[in-house]
């Protein structure tokens, strides 16, 4: 009797290494906070604090862009900071994800009439998840990370389905 008949083809015994790595990646997201304004203090730091504890859900802060999976841009990005945001994004290893946190990072916020404000960080780097609010609540930050996890797992399924079609 073959083992796949006994356990089933989609059991944990037959999981592909790529699926295993992506599953582990979703359970351990290391982020680099690029906190420029009040969103970083009021939203992100509250989400990392003891009441909403990111560590329990597998989201950890790192200082170096070379050790992170996720860049969180929180606050108003001006033209002078745009180059720094792009450089830090380029230093991150693949796969890399970007979260735009708050109204300022997503659309320029209340400062959009000023000529030096970038109208959304998506003009500089590709954004995967937008977290609304001014400032965003810690619950919405955690929900944004849950959506990012779903996106990572969906990318895995799409990649494997495309590979199976080509074979």
Foldseek 3Di string as FASTA:
>chain_A
DDVCVVQNCPDPVNDDVLLVVLVVCLQAFEEEEPADDDLCVQAVVVCCDDVNNPVVSRYHYDHALQPGQEYEYEAWAFQVCLVVVLVSVVNHDPPHAYEYFECRQAANPPNVVDPGTDGHNCVRPNHDFYQYDDHGHNVSVVVRSVVVSVVSSVVSVVVVVVVVVVD
